[in-house]
Amino acid sequence: MTLLMAANSHAVYADLKSASGLQEQLTNLQSFRATFNQVVYGNSVQELQSSTGTVSVERPLKFRWQLIEPYAQLIVTSGKVLYIYDPDLEQVQVREAAGALKGTPALLLAGEPAEIVDLFEVILLDSLAEEPANSIVYSLSPRHADSLFTEIKLFFLDGVPTTIEIRDALGQLTRVDFSEQILNAKIASDEFEFDIPAGIDVLGNAEIPAS
């Protein structure tokens, strides 16, 4: 019993230390810009979909994720309302940002780092063989059973986010590799604004701020 209690106490301490390390990494990241390549893999590791785009993030809760190829899509918020705009479908979804982003990978980059411990169990992994030797890799498991994700891995190299891997409840893996990263530079506020184009279908019941 004593050994079991000691082992459990050590595991709890290790998890808290891992969470503290990740929190420190994210606290140092007040803004982030990058291009990305996103690939979705099926259960048998076959590639299902590949896309490219750009991302801009600024705390607190400012987020812009723009797909460019193979189709256009924009996900953007300035903190209160989240817009998901699909120009090919001529529609935009409007959601309350805090609720829509809660427990998602986007919240790791745009939300408050102190919330991580409440939302995720964090483990610091050994560096993976295929990654650069100085990589730091964190595994995050959602604490809430209704999460759409079973695991998120966040990779850093010299304090710079390089990769996010997301495993969903169906076993699919989404890997996002960042390049051309820029940290802690000022981002124009209008980059997180969105004006709904005329003639576009609006879905959702979030209150749209007055122009």
N, C-alpha and C. Protein backbone atom coordinates (compact mmCIF):
# COMPACT_ATOMS: atom_id res chain seq x y z
N MET A 1 0.82 -1.20 0.00
CA MET A 1 0.00 0.00 0.00
C MET A 1 0.86 1.26 0.00
N THR A 2 1.95 1.23 0.80
CA THR A 2 2.83 2.39 0.87
C THR A 2 3.47 2.67 -0.48
N LEU A 3 3.96 1.60 -1.16
CA LEU A 3 4.57 1.78 -2.47
C LEU A 3 3.56 2.29 -3.48
N LEU A 4 2.32 1.77 -3.41
CA LEU A 4 1.29 2.19 -4.34
C LEU A 4 0.96 3.67 -4.13
N MET A 5 0.83 4.08 -2.88
CA MET A 5 0.54 5.48 -2.59
C MET A 5 1.69 6.37 -3.04
N ALA A 6 2.92 5.90 -2.81
CA ALA A 6 4.08 6.69 -3.23
C ALA A 6 4.12 6.83 -4.73
N ALA A 7 3.83 5.74 -5.46
CA ALA A 7 3.84 5.79 -6.92
C ALA A 7 2.77 6.73 -7.43
N ASN A 8 1.56 6.68 -6.83
CA ASN A 8 0.49 7.56 -7.25
C ASN A 8 0.83 9.02 -6.98
N SER A 9 1.44 9.28 -5.82
CA SER A 9 1.82 10.65 -5.49
C SER A 9 2.86 11.17 -6.47
N HIS A 10 3.81 10.31 -6.85
CA HIS A 10 4.84 10.71 -7.82
C HIS A 10 4.21 11.01 -9.17
N ALA A 11 3.22 10.18 -9.58
CA ALA A 11 2.55 10.40 -10.87
C ALA A 11 1.80 11.72 -10.88
N VAL A 12 1.11 12.03 -9.75
CA VAL A 12 0.39 13.29 -9.67
C VAL A 12 1.35 14.46 -9.75
N TYR A 13 2.48 14.33 -9.03
CA TYR A 13 3.49 15.40 -9.07
C TYR A 13 4.04 15.58 -10.49
N ALA A 14 4.30 14.45 -11.17
CA ALA A 14 4.84 14.52 -12.53
C ALA A 14 3.85 15.19 -13.47
N ASP A 15 2.54 14.86 -13.30
CA ASP A 15 1.53 15.48 -14.15
C ASP A 15 1.45 16.98 -13.91
N LEU A 16 1.50 17.38 -12.62
CA LEU A 16 1.44 18.80 -12.30
C LEU A 16 2.66 19.53 -12.85
N LYS A 17 3.83 18.88 -12.77
CA LYS A 17 5.05 19.49 -13.29
C LYS A 17 4.96 19.62 -14.81
N SER A 18 4.38 18.60 -15.49
CA SER A 18 4.21 18.67 -16.94
C SER A 18 3.27 19.81 -17.31
N ALA A 19 2.16 19.93 -16.57
CA ALA A 19 1.20 20.99 -16.84
C ALA A 19 1.82 22.36 -16.62
N SER A 20 2.64 22.46 -15.57
CA SER A 20 3.32 23.73 -15.30
C SER A 20 4.28 24.09 -16.42
N GLY A 21 5.00 23.09 -16.95
CA GLY A 21 5.92 23.34 -18.05
C GLY A 21 5.20 23.80 -19.30
N LEU A 22 4.06 23.16 -19.62
CA LEU A 22 3.29 23.57 -20.79
C LEU A 22 2.70 24.95 -20.59
N GLN A 23 2.21 25.20 -19.39
CA GLN A 23 1.65 26.52 -19.09
C GLN A 23 2.70 27.61 -19.28
N GLU A 24 3.93 27.34 -18.88
CA GLU A 24 5.00 28.32 -19.06
C GLU A 24 5.29 28.55 -20.54
N GLN A 25 5.31 27.45 -21.33
CA GLN A 25 5.55 27.59 -22.78
C GLN A 25 4.48 28.47 -23.41
N LEU A 26 3.22 28.24 -23.03
CA LEU A 26 2.12 28.97 -23.65
C LEU A 26 2.02 30.41 -23.14
N THR A 27 2.39 30.63 -21.88
CA THR A 27 2.37 31.98 -21.34
C THR A 27 3.35 32.88 -22.09
N ASN A 28 4.45 32.30 -22.54
CA ASN A 28 5.45 33.06 -23.30
C ASN A 28 5.00 33.33 -24.73
N LEU A 29 3.86 32.75 -25.11
CA LEU A 29 3.35 32.87 -26.48
C LEU A 29 2.13 33.77 -26.46
N GLN A 30 2.33 35.06 -26.57
CA GLN A 30 1.21 36.01 -26.52
C GLN A 30 0.57 36.22 -27.89
N SER A 31 1.33 36.02 -28.95
CA SER A 31 0.76 36.04 -30.29
C SER A 31 1.55 35.07 -31.16
N PHE A 32 0.90 34.61 -32.23
CA PHE A 32 1.51 33.57 -33.05
C PHE A 32 0.94 33.69 -34.45
N ARG A 33 1.83 33.66 -35.45
CA ARG A 33 1.42 33.62 -36.85
C ARG A 33 2.23 32.55 -37.56
N ALA A 34 1.60 31.86 -38.51
CA ALA A 34 2.32 30.81 -39.23
C ALA A 34 1.51 30.40 -40.45
N THR A 35 2.18 29.71 -41.36
CA THR A 35 1.48 28.93 -42.38
C THR A 35 1.42 27.50 -41.88
N PHE A 36 0.51 26.71 -42.42
CA PHE A 36 0.39 25.33 -41.94
C PHE A 36 0.05 24.38 -43.07
N ASN A 37 0.42 23.13 -42.84
CA ASN A 37 0.00 22.02 -43.69
C ASN A 37 -0.73 21.03 -42.78
N GLN A 38 -1.95 20.71 -43.12
CA GLN A 38 -2.79 19.84 -42.30
C GLN A 38 -3.13 18.56 -43.05
N VAL A 39 -2.89 17.42 -42.41
CA VAL A 39 -3.19 16.13 -43.03
C VAL A 39 -4.05 15.31 -42.07
N VAL A 40 -5.09 14.70 -42.61
CA VAL A 40 -5.98 13.83 -41.83
C VAL A 40 -5.71 12.39 -42.25
N TYR A 41 -5.44 11.53 -41.25
CA TYR A 41 -5.17 10.12 -41.49
C TYR A 41 -6.29 9.26 -40.91
N GLY A 42 -6.62 8.17 -41.62
CA GLY A 42 -7.62 7.23 -41.14
C GLY A 42 -7.04 6.25 -40.14
N ASN A 43 -7.88 5.32 -39.70
CA ASN A 43 -7.46 4.33 -38.70
C ASN A 43 -6.26 3.52 -39.15
N SER A 44 -6.18 3.23 -40.43
CA SER A 44 -5.07 2.42 -40.94
C SER A 44 -3.94 3.29 -41.48
N VAL A 45 -3.89 4.53 -41.04
CA VAL A 45 -2.83 5.49 -41.34
C VAL A 45 -2.81 5.91 -42.81
N GLN A 46 -3.88 5.65 -43.55
CA GLN A 46 -3.92 6.16 -44.91
C GLN A 46 -4.31 7.63 -44.88
N GLU A 47 -3.73 8.41 -45.80
CA GLU A 47 -4.04 9.83 -45.85
C GLU A 47 -5.42 10.04 -46.46
N LEU A 48 -6.29 10.73 -45.72
CA LEU A 48 -7.65 10.97 -46.18
C LEU A 48 -7.81 12.36 -46.80
N GLN A 49 -7.08 13.33 -46.27
CA GLN A 49 -7.27 14.71 -46.73
C GLN A 49 -6.04 15.54 -46.38
N SER A 50 -5.71 16.45 -47.26
CA SER A 50 -4.60 17.36 -47.01
C SER A 50 -5.03 18.77 -47.35
N SER A 51 -4.61 19.74 -46.54
CA SER A 51 -4.97 21.13 -46.80
C SER A 51 -3.87 22.06 -46.31
N THR A 52 -3.88 23.29 -46.81
CA THR A 52 -2.89 24.28 -46.40
C THR A 52 -3.60 25.58 -46.07
N GLY A 53 -2.91 26.42 -45.28
CA GLY A 53 -3.51 27.69 -44.92
C GLY A 53 -2.62 28.50 -44.02
N THR A 54 -3.24 29.49 -43.35
CA THR A 54 -2.51 30.36 -42.44
C THR A 54 -3.28 30.47 -41.13
N VAL A 55 -2.53 30.77 -40.06
CA VAL A 55 -3.15 30.94 -38.74
C VAL A 55 -2.56 32.17 -38.08
N SER A 56 -3.42 32.91 -37.38
CA SER A 56 -3.00 34.05 -36.56
C SER A 56 -3.72 33.94 -35.21
N VAL A 57 -2.97 34.15 -34.13
CA VAL A 57 -3.52 34.02 -32.78
C VAL A 57 -2.98 35.16 -31.92
N GLU A 58 -3.85 35.71 -31.09
CA GLU A 58 -3.41 36.70 -30.11
C GLU A 58 -4.27 36.52 -28.86
N ARG A 59 -3.62 36.41 -27.71
CA ARG A 59 -4.37 36.30 -26.46
C ARG A 59 -4.89 37.68 -26.06
N PRO A 60 -6.11 37.72 -25.42
CA PRO A 60 -6.93 36.55 -25.12
C PRO A 60 -8.00 36.29 -26.19
N LEU A 61 -8.07 35.10 -26.65
CA LEU A 61 -9.17 34.56 -27.46
C LEU A 61 -9.37 35.21 -28.81
N LYS A 62 -8.27 35.71 -29.42
CA LYS A 62 -8.36 36.18 -30.79
C LYS A 62 -7.72 35.12 -31.68
N PHE A 63 -8.46 34.70 -32.71
CA PHE A 63 -8.06 33.52 -33.46
C PHE A 63 -8.52 33.65 -34.90
N ARG A 64 -7.61 33.34 -35.83
CA ARG A 64 -7.96 33.32 -37.26
C ARG A 64 -7.30 32.11 -37.90
N TRP A 65 -8.12 31.23 -38.48
CA TRP A 65 -7.65 30.00 -39.13
C TRP A 65 -8.22 30.01 -40.54
N GLN A 66 -7.35 30.16 -41.53
CA GLN A 66 -7.81 30.32 -42.90
C GLN A 66 -7.28 29.20 -43.78
N LEU A 67 -8.18 28.35 -44.25
CA LEU A 67 -7.83 27.33 -45.23
C LEU A 67 -7.77 27.97 -46.61
N ILE A 68 -6.74 27.59 -47.37
CA ILE A 68 -6.56 28.14 -48.71
C ILE A 68 -6.74 27.08 -49.78
N GLU A 69 -6.11 25.93 -49.61
CA GLU A 69 -6.22 24.80 -50.53
C GLU A 69 -6.57 23.54 -49.74
N PRO A 70 -7.36 22.63 -50.30
CA PRO A 70 -7.96 22.60 -51.65
C PRO A 70 -9.27 23.38 -51.76
N TYR A 71 -9.76 23.93 -50.64
CA TYR A 71 -10.97 24.76 -50.68
C TYR A 71 -10.81 25.86 -49.64
N ALA A 72 -11.58 26.91 -49.80
CA ALA A 72 -11.47 28.06 -48.91
C ALA A 72 -12.42 27.90 -47.72
N GLN A 73 -11.93 28.24 -46.54
CA GLN A 73 -12.77 28.32 -45.34
C GLN A 73 -12.07 29.26 -44.35
N LEU A 74 -12.85 30.03 -43.62
CA LEU A 74 -12.31 30.95 -42.64
C LEU A 74 -12.99 30.73 -41.30
N ILE A 75 -12.19 30.55 -40.24
CA ILE A 75 -12.68 30.48 -38.87
C ILE A 75 -12.02 31.63 -38.14
N VAL A 76 -12.82 32.56 -37.60
CA VAL A 76 -12.22 33.77 -37.03
C VAL A 76 -13.06 34.29 -35.86
N THR A 77 -12.37 34.81 -34.85
CA THR A 77 -13.05 35.46 -33.73
C THR A 77 -12.15 36.55 -33.15
N SER A 78 -12.79 37.61 -32.68
CA SER A 78 -12.08 38.66 -31.95
C SER A 78 -12.30 38.51 -30.45
N GLY A 79 -12.96 37.42 -30.05
CA GLY A 79 -13.10 37.14 -28.63
C GLY A 79 -14.51 36.82 -28.16
N LYS A 80 -15.53 37.34 -28.85
CA LYS A 80 -16.91 37.12 -28.40
C LYS A 80 -17.69 36.20 -29.33
N VAL A 81 -17.65 36.49 -30.62
CA VAL A 81 -18.40 35.72 -31.61
C VAL A 81 -17.42 35.01 -32.54
N LEU A 82 -17.68 33.72 -32.77
CA LEU A 82 -16.86 32.92 -33.69
C LEU A 82 -17.61 32.76 -35.00
N TYR A 83 -16.93 33.08 -36.11
CA TYR A 83 -17.52 32.94 -37.43
C TYR A 83 -16.83 31.80 -38.17
N ILE A 84 -17.62 30.93 -38.78
CA ILE A 84 -17.10 29.87 -39.65
C ILE A 84 -17.70 30.12 -41.03
N TYR A 85 -16.87 30.64 -41.93
CA TYR A 85 -17.35 31.10 -43.23
C TYR A 85 -16.90 30.14 -44.32
N ASP A 86 -17.89 29.60 -45.05
CA ASP A 86 -17.64 28.72 -46.19
C ASP A 86 -18.12 29.41 -47.45
N PRO A 87 -17.21 30.08 -48.17
CA PRO A 87 -17.66 30.83 -49.35
C PRO A 87 -18.26 29.96 -50.44
N ASP A 88 -17.76 28.73 -50.60
CA ASP A 88 -18.32 27.85 -51.64
C ASP A 88 -19.77 27.49 -51.33
N LEU A 89 -20.11 27.39 -50.05
CA LEU A 89 -21.48 27.07 -49.64
C LEU A 89 -22.34 28.32 -49.46
N GLU A 90 -21.69 29.49 -49.55
CA GLU A 90 -22.36 30.77 -49.36
C GLU A 90 -23.10 30.81 -48.01
N GLN A 91 -22.38 30.39 -46.95
CA GLN A 91 -22.97 30.41 -45.63
C GLN A 91 -21.91 30.68 -44.56
N VAL A 92 -22.38 31.21 -43.44
CA VAL A 92 -21.52 31.45 -42.29
C VAL A 92 -22.23 30.97 -41.03
N GLN A 93 -21.50 30.21 -40.22
CA GLN A 93 -22.02 29.81 -38.91
C GLN A 93 -21.55 30.82 -37.88
N VAL A 94 -22.44 31.19 -36.97
CA VAL A 94 -22.15 32.19 -35.95
C VAL A 94 -22.35 31.54 -34.59
N ARG A 95 -21.27 31.51 -33.78
CA ARG A 95 -21.34 30.85 -32.48
C ARG A 95 -20.73 31.74 -31.40
N GLU A 96 -21.10 31.48 -30.17
CA GLU A 96 -20.47 32.15 -29.04
C GLU A 96 -19.07 31.59 -28.88
N ALA A 97 -18.05 32.45 -28.91
CA ALA A 97 -16.66 31.99 -29.05
C ALA A 97 -16.19 31.14 -27.89
N ALA A 98 -16.41 31.57 -26.66
CA ALA A 98 -15.87 30.85 -25.50
C ALA A 98 -16.38 29.43 -25.45
N GLY A 99 -17.67 29.23 -25.72
CA GLY A 99 -18.24 27.90 -25.70
C GLY A 99 -17.76 27.04 -26.85
N ALA A 100 -17.64 27.65 -28.04
CA ALA A 100 -17.24 26.90 -29.23
C ALA A 100 -15.79 26.43 -29.14
N LEU A 101 -14.93 27.21 -28.48
CA LEU A 101 -13.51 26.88 -28.43
C LEU A 101 -13.12 26.07 -27.20
N LYS A 102 -14.02 25.95 -26.23
CA LYS A 102 -13.67 25.28 -24.97
C LYS A 102 -13.21 23.84 -25.22
N GLY A 103 -12.03 23.52 -24.69
CA GLY A 103 -11.50 22.16 -24.80
C GLY A 103 -10.94 21.81 -26.16
N THR A 104 -10.81 22.78 -27.07
CA THR A 104 -10.31 22.51 -28.41
C THR A 104 -8.82 22.86 -28.51
N PRO A 105 -8.13 22.35 -29.53
CA PRO A 105 -6.73 22.74 -29.73
C PRO A 105 -6.56 24.25 -29.91
N ALA A 106 -7.55 24.91 -30.51
CA ALA A 106 -7.46 26.36 -30.70
C ALA A 106 -7.34 27.09 -29.37
N LEU A 107 -8.01 26.57 -28.34
CA LEU A 107 -7.97 27.22 -27.04
C LEU A 107 -6.58 27.16 -26.42
N LEU A 108 -5.80 26.13 -26.77
CA LEU A 108 -4.44 26.05 -26.25
C LEU A 108 -3.61 27.24 -26.69
N LEU A 109 -3.81 27.70 -27.92
CA LEU A 109 -3.03 28.81 -28.46
C LEU A 109 -3.66 30.16 -28.14
N ALA A 110 -4.99 30.22 -28.03
CA ALA A 110 -5.66 31.51 -27.89
C ALA A 110 -6.23 31.76 -26.50
N GLY A 111 -6.40 30.71 -25.70
CA GLY A 111 -7.04 30.86 -24.40
C GLY A 111 -6.06 31.17 -23.29
N GLU A 112 -6.56 31.11 -22.06
CA GLU A 112 -5.72 31.37 -20.89
C GLU A 112 -4.95 30.11 -20.52
N PRO A 113 -3.62 30.17 -20.46
CA PRO A 113 -2.83 28.98 -20.12
C PRO A 113 -3.21 28.36 -18.78
N ALA A 114 -3.67 29.17 -17.83
CA ALA A 114 -4.03 28.66 -16.50
C ALA A 114 -5.21 27.69 -16.54
N GLU A 115 -6.02 27.73 -17.61
CA GLU A 115 -7.17 26.85 -17.71
C GLU A 115 -6.81 25.43 -18.13
N ILE A 116 -5.59 25.21 -18.58
CA ILE A 116 -5.20 23.92 -19.14
C ILE A 116 -5.37 22.79 -18.14
N VAL A 117 -4.94 23.04 -16.88
CA VAL A 117 -5.00 22.00 -15.86
C VAL A 117 -6.43 21.56 -15.61
N ASP A 118 -7.39 22.49 -15.71
CA ASP A 118 -8.79 22.16 -15.47
C ASP A 118 -9.38 21.36 -16.62
N LEU A 119 -8.89 21.59 -17.83
CA LEU A 119 -9.49 20.97 -19.02
C LEU A 119 -8.78 19.70 -19.48
N PHE A 120 -7.47 19.58 -19.17
CA PHE A 120 -6.69 18.48 -19.71
C PHE A 120 -5.79 17.86 -18.64
N GLU A 121 -5.56 16.57 -18.78
CA GLU A 121 -4.47 15.91 -18.08
C GLU A 121 -3.24 16.02 -18.98
N VAL A 122 -2.16 16.56 -18.46
CA VAL A 122 -0.98 16.86 -19.27
C VAL A 122 0.18 15.95 -18.88
N ILE A 123 0.81 15.36 -19.88
CA ILE A 123 1.98 14.51 -19.66
C ILE A 123 3.10 14.97 -20.59
N LEU A 124 4.30 15.12 -20.05
CA LEU A 124 5.47 15.43 -20.86
C LEU A 124 6.03 14.12 -21.39
N LEU A 125 6.08 13.98 -22.72
CA LEU A 125 6.54 12.75 -23.34
C LEU A 125 8.04 12.80 -23.59
N ASP A 126 8.63 11.61 -23.72
CA ASP A 126 10.02 11.54 -24.19
C ASP A 126 10.06 12.04 -25.63
N SER A 127 11.16 12.66 -26.02
CA SER A 127 11.30 13.12 -27.40
C SER A 127 11.14 11.94 -28.36
N LEU A 128 10.37 12.16 -29.40
CA LEU A 128 10.12 11.09 -30.36
C LEU A 128 11.28 11.00 -31.36
N ALA A 129 11.56 9.80 -31.79
CA ALA A 129 12.74 9.56 -32.63
C ALA A 129 12.70 10.35 -33.93
N GLU A 130 11.49 10.56 -34.48
CA GLU A 130 11.41 11.22 -35.78
C GLU A 130 11.42 12.74 -35.67
N GLU A 131 11.42 13.25 -34.45
CA GLU A 131 11.40 14.69 -34.26
C GLU A 131 12.81 15.20 -33.99
N PRO A 132 13.08 16.49 -34.17
CA PRO A 132 14.41 17.02 -33.81
C PRO A 132 14.74 16.72 -32.35
N ALA A 133 16.01 16.55 -32.06
CA ALA A 133 16.44 16.09 -30.74
C ALA A 133 16.00 17.01 -29.62
N ASN A 134 15.86 18.30 -29.89
CA ASN A 134 15.52 19.24 -28.84
C ASN A 134 14.02 19.49 -28.69
N SER A 135 13.20 18.69 -29.36
CA SER A 135 11.76 18.88 -29.27
C SER A 135 11.25 18.57 -27.87
N ILE A 136 10.24 19.33 -27.47
CA ILE A 136 9.49 19.05 -26.24
C ILE A 136 8.07 18.71 -26.68
N VAL A 137 7.57 17.56 -26.23
CA VAL A 137 6.28 17.06 -26.68
C VAL A 137 5.38 16.84 -25.47
N TYR A 138 4.20 17.46 -25.50
CA TYR A 138 3.22 17.29 -24.44
C TYR A 138 2.01 16.54 -24.99
N SER A 139 1.52 15.59 -24.19
CA SER A 139 0.29 14.88 -24.51
C SER A 139 -0.81 15.39 -23.59
N LEU A 140 -1.94 15.78 -24.17
CA LEU A 140 -3.06 16.30 -23.40
C LEU A 140 -4.28 15.42 -23.62
N SER A 141 -4.85 14.93 -22.53
CA SER A 141 -6.07 14.11 -22.58
C SER A 141 -7.20 14.90 -21.95
N PRO A 142 -8.31 15.09 -22.65
CA PRO A 142 -9.42 15.87 -22.10
C PRO A 142 -9.97 15.22 -20.82
N ARG A 143 -10.30 16.05 -19.85
CA ARG A 143 -10.87 15.54 -18.60
C ARG A 143 -12.36 15.29 -18.71
N HIS A 144 -13.00 15.86 -19.74
CA HIS A 144 -14.44 15.71 -19.89
C HIS A 144 -14.76 14.62 -20.91
N ALA A 145 -15.67 13.72 -20.52
CA ALA A 145 -15.98 12.55 -21.35
C ALA A 145 -16.65 12.92 -22.67
N ASP A 146 -17.28 14.09 -22.75
CA ASP A 146 -18.00 14.46 -23.97
C ASP A 146 -17.12 15.15 -25.00
N SER A 147 -15.80 15.16 -24.77
CA SER A 147 -14.90 15.81 -25.71
C SER A 147 -14.88 15.07 -27.05
N LEU A 148 -14.68 15.81 -28.12
CA LEU A 148 -14.57 15.22 -29.46
C LEU A 148 -13.19 14.62 -29.71
N PHE A 149 -12.24 14.91 -28.80
CA PHE A 149 -10.87 14.45 -28.97
C PHE A 149 -10.49 13.53 -27.83
N THR A 150 -9.66 12.53 -28.14
CA THR A 150 -9.15 11.65 -27.09
C THR A 150 -7.74 12.03 -26.68
N GLU A 151 -6.98 12.68 -27.57
CA GLU A 151 -5.63 13.11 -27.24
C GLU A 151 -5.20 14.23 -28.17
N ILE A 152 -4.47 15.19 -27.60
CA ILE A 152 -3.83 16.24 -28.37
C ILE A 152 -2.35 16.24 -28.01
N LYS A 153 -1.49 16.24 -29.02
CA LYS A 153 -0.05 16.36 -28.78
C LYS A 153 0.41 17.71 -29.31
N LEU A 154 1.18 18.40 -28.49
CA LEU A 154 1.69 19.71 -28.85
C LEU A 154 3.21 19.67 -28.82
N PHE A 155 3.83 20.00 -29.95
CA PHE A 155 5.28 19.91 -30.12
C PHE A 155 5.89 21.32 -30.11
N PHE A 156 6.98 21.48 -29.35
CA PHE A 156 7.73 22.74 -29.34
C PHE A 156 9.18 22.46 -29.69
N LEU A 157 9.80 23.40 -30.35
CA LEU A 157 11.25 23.36 -30.60
C LEU A 157 11.80 24.74 -30.27
N ASP A 158 12.63 24.81 -29.23
CA ASP A 158 13.19 26.09 -28.76
C ASP A 158 12.09 27.10 -28.47
N GLY A 159 11.00 26.63 -27.86
CA GLY A 159 9.91 27.51 -27.47
C GLY A 159 8.93 27.86 -28.56
N VAL A 160 9.12 27.32 -29.75
CA VAL A 160 8.26 27.62 -30.91
C VAL A 160 7.37 26.43 -31.21
N PRO A 161 6.04 26.62 -31.27
CA PRO A 161 5.16 25.51 -31.66
C PRO A 161 5.47 25.06 -33.09
N THR A 162 5.66 23.75 -33.26
CA THR A 162 5.98 23.22 -34.59
C THR A 162 4.90 22.32 -35.15
N THR A 163 4.20 21.60 -34.25
CA THR A 163 3.22 20.61 -34.71
C THR A 163 2.13 20.43 -33.65
N ILE A 164 0.92 20.20 -34.12
CA ILE A 164 -0.17 19.75 -33.27
C ILE A 164 -0.74 18.47 -33.89
N GLU A 165 -0.89 17.43 -33.08
CA GLU A 165 -1.55 16.20 -33.50
C GLU A 165 -2.82 16.02 -32.68
N ILE A 166 -3.92 15.68 -33.35
CA ILE A 166 -5.21 15.54 -32.70
C ILE A 166 -5.79 14.17 -33.05
N ARG A 167 -6.06 13.38 -32.04
CA ARG A 167 -6.69 12.06 -32.22
C ARG A 167 -8.15 12.19 -31.81
N ASP A 168 -9.08 11.89 -32.73
CA ASP A 168 -10.49 12.04 -32.38
C ASP A 168 -11.08 10.73 -31.90
N ALA A 169 -12.35 10.79 -31.50
CA ALA A 169 -13.02 9.63 -30.90
C ALA A 169 -13.20 8.48 -31.88
N LEU A 170 -13.09 8.76 -33.18
CA LEU A 170 -13.23 7.72 -34.20
C LEU A 170 -11.88 7.10 -34.57
N GLY A 171 -10.81 7.58 -33.95
CA GLY A 171 -9.49 7.04 -34.23
C GLY A 171 -8.73 7.74 -35.33
N GLN A 172 -9.34 8.75 -35.95
CA GLN A 172 -8.64 9.50 -37.00
C GLN A 172 -7.61 10.44 -36.37
N LEU A 173 -6.51 10.65 -37.07
CA LEU A 173 -5.44 11.52 -36.60
C LEU A 173 -5.31 12.70 -37.55
N THR A 174 -5.34 13.90 -36.99
CA THR A 174 -5.08 15.12 -37.76
C THR A 174 -3.75 15.68 -37.31
N ARG A 175 -2.85 15.89 -38.25
CA ARG A 175 -1.53 16.45 -37.94
C ARG A 175 -1.40 17.79 -38.64
N VAL A 176 -1.06 18.81 -37.86
CA VAL A 176 -0.86 20.16 -38.39
C VAL A 176 0.59 20.54 -38.17
N ASP A 177 1.32 20.77 -39.25
CA ASP A 177 2.73 21.19 -39.17
C ASP A 177 2.81 22.67 -39.53
N PHE A 178 3.43 23.45 -38.63
CA PHE A 178 3.57 24.89 -38.84
C PHE A 178 4.92 25.21 -39.48
N SER A 179 4.94 26.29 -40.25
CA SER A 179 6.18 26.82 -40.82
C SER A 179 6.07 28.34 -40.85
N GLU A 180 7.21 29.00 -41.05
CA GLU A 180 7.26 30.46 -41.11
C GLU A 180 6.63 31.09 -39.86
N GLN A 181 6.91 30.49 -38.70
CA GLN A 181 6.31 30.97 -37.46
C GLN A 181 6.87 32.33 -37.04
N ILE A 182 5.99 33.19 -36.56
CA ILE A 182 6.36 34.49 -36.00
C ILE A 182 5.71 34.59 -34.62
N LEU A 183 6.50 34.83 -33.59
CA LEU A 183 6.00 34.87 -32.23
C LEU A 183 6.00 36.30 -31.69
N ASN A 184 4.92 36.62 -30.97
CA ASN A 184 4.82 37.82 -30.15
C ASN A 184 5.00 39.12 -30.92
N ALA A 185 4.61 39.11 -32.19
CA ALA A 185 4.57 40.35 -32.98
C ALA A 185 3.15 40.92 -32.93
N LYS A 186 3.04 42.21 -33.03
CA LYS A 186 1.72 42.85 -33.02
C LYS A 186 0.93 42.45 -34.26
N ILE A 187 -0.33 42.09 -34.06
CA ILE A 187 -1.21 41.71 -35.16
C ILE A 187 -2.34 42.73 -35.24
N ALA A 188 -2.60 43.25 -36.42
CA ALA A 188 -3.66 44.25 -36.59
C ALA A 188 -5.01 43.69 -36.12
N SER A 189 -5.76 44.49 -35.39
CA SER A 189 -7.01 44.02 -34.81
C SER A 189 -8.03 43.60 -35.87
N ASP A 190 -7.99 44.25 -37.05
CA ASP A 190 -8.99 43.91 -38.07
C ASP A 190 -8.76 42.53 -38.67
N GLU A 191 -7.62 41.91 -38.38
CA GLU A 191 -7.39 40.55 -38.86
C GLU A 191 -8.31 39.55 -38.17
N PHE A 192 -8.86 39.94 -37.01
CA PHE A 192 -9.75 39.06 -36.26
C PHE A 192 -11.22 39.47 -36.38
N GLU A 193 -11.49 40.45 -37.24
CA GLU A 193 -12.86 40.90 -37.46
C GLU A 193 -13.43 40.22 -38.70
N PHE A 194 -14.77 40.19 -38.76
CA PHE A 194 -15.42 39.59 -39.93
C PHE A 194 -16.71 40.33 -40.22
N ASP A 195 -16.86 40.77 -41.45
CA ASP A 195 -18.10 41.39 -41.92
C ASP A 195 -18.82 40.39 -42.81
N ILE A 196 -20.04 40.07 -42.45
CA ILE A 196 -20.80 39.07 -43.20
C ILE A 196 -21.16 39.61 -44.58
N PRO A 197 -20.74 38.93 -45.65
CA PRO A 197 -21.05 39.40 -47.01
C PRO A 197 -22.56 39.39 -47.28
N ALA A 198 -23.00 40.27 -48.13
CA ALA A 198 -24.41 40.32 -48.50
C ALA A 198 -24.82 39.03 -49.21
N GLY A 199 -26.02 38.57 -48.94
CA GLY A 199 -26.56 37.40 -49.62
C GLY A 199 -26.11 36.08 -49.06
N ILE A 200 -25.37 36.09 -47.95
CA ILE A 200 -24.85 34.85 -47.35
C ILE A 200 -25.83 34.34 -46.30
N ASP A 201 -26.10 33.04 -46.29
CA ASP A 201 -26.95 32.44 -45.26
C ASP A 201 -26.23 32.46 -43.92
N VAL A 202 -26.92 32.88 -42.88
CA VAL A 202 -26.36 32.96 -41.54
C VAL A 202 -27.00 31.88 -40.67
N LEU A 203 -26.17 30.98 -40.12
CA LEU A 203 -26.64 29.90 -39.27
C LEU A 203 -26.14 30.12 -37.85
N GLY A 204 -26.99 29.80 -36.87
CA GLY A 204 -26.59 29.97 -35.48
C GLY A 204 -27.34 31.10 -34.83
N ASN A 205 -27.32 31.11 -33.50
CA ASN A 205 -28.11 32.11 -32.77
C ASN A 205 -27.26 33.02 -31.89
N ALA A 206 -25.96 33.04 -32.09
CA ALA A 206 -25.12 33.95 -31.31
C ALA A 206 -25.44 35.39 -31.73
N GLU A 207 -25.39 36.30 -30.78
CA GLU A 207 -25.67 37.70 -31.06
C GLU A 207 -24.51 38.32 -31.84
N ILE A 208 -24.82 38.87 -33.00
CA ILE A 208 -23.81 39.48 -33.85
C ILE A 208 -23.60 40.92 -33.42
N PRO A 209 -22.36 41.33 -33.12
CA PRO A 209 -22.12 42.72 -32.70
C PRO A 209 -22.53 43.70 -33.80
N ALA A 210 -23.00 44.86 -33.37
CA ALA A 210 -23.36 45.90 -34.32
C ALA A 210 -22.12 46.45 -34.99
N SER A 211 -22.22 46.76 -36.26
CA SER A 211 -21.07 47.29 -37.00
C SER A 211 -20.78 48.71 -36.57
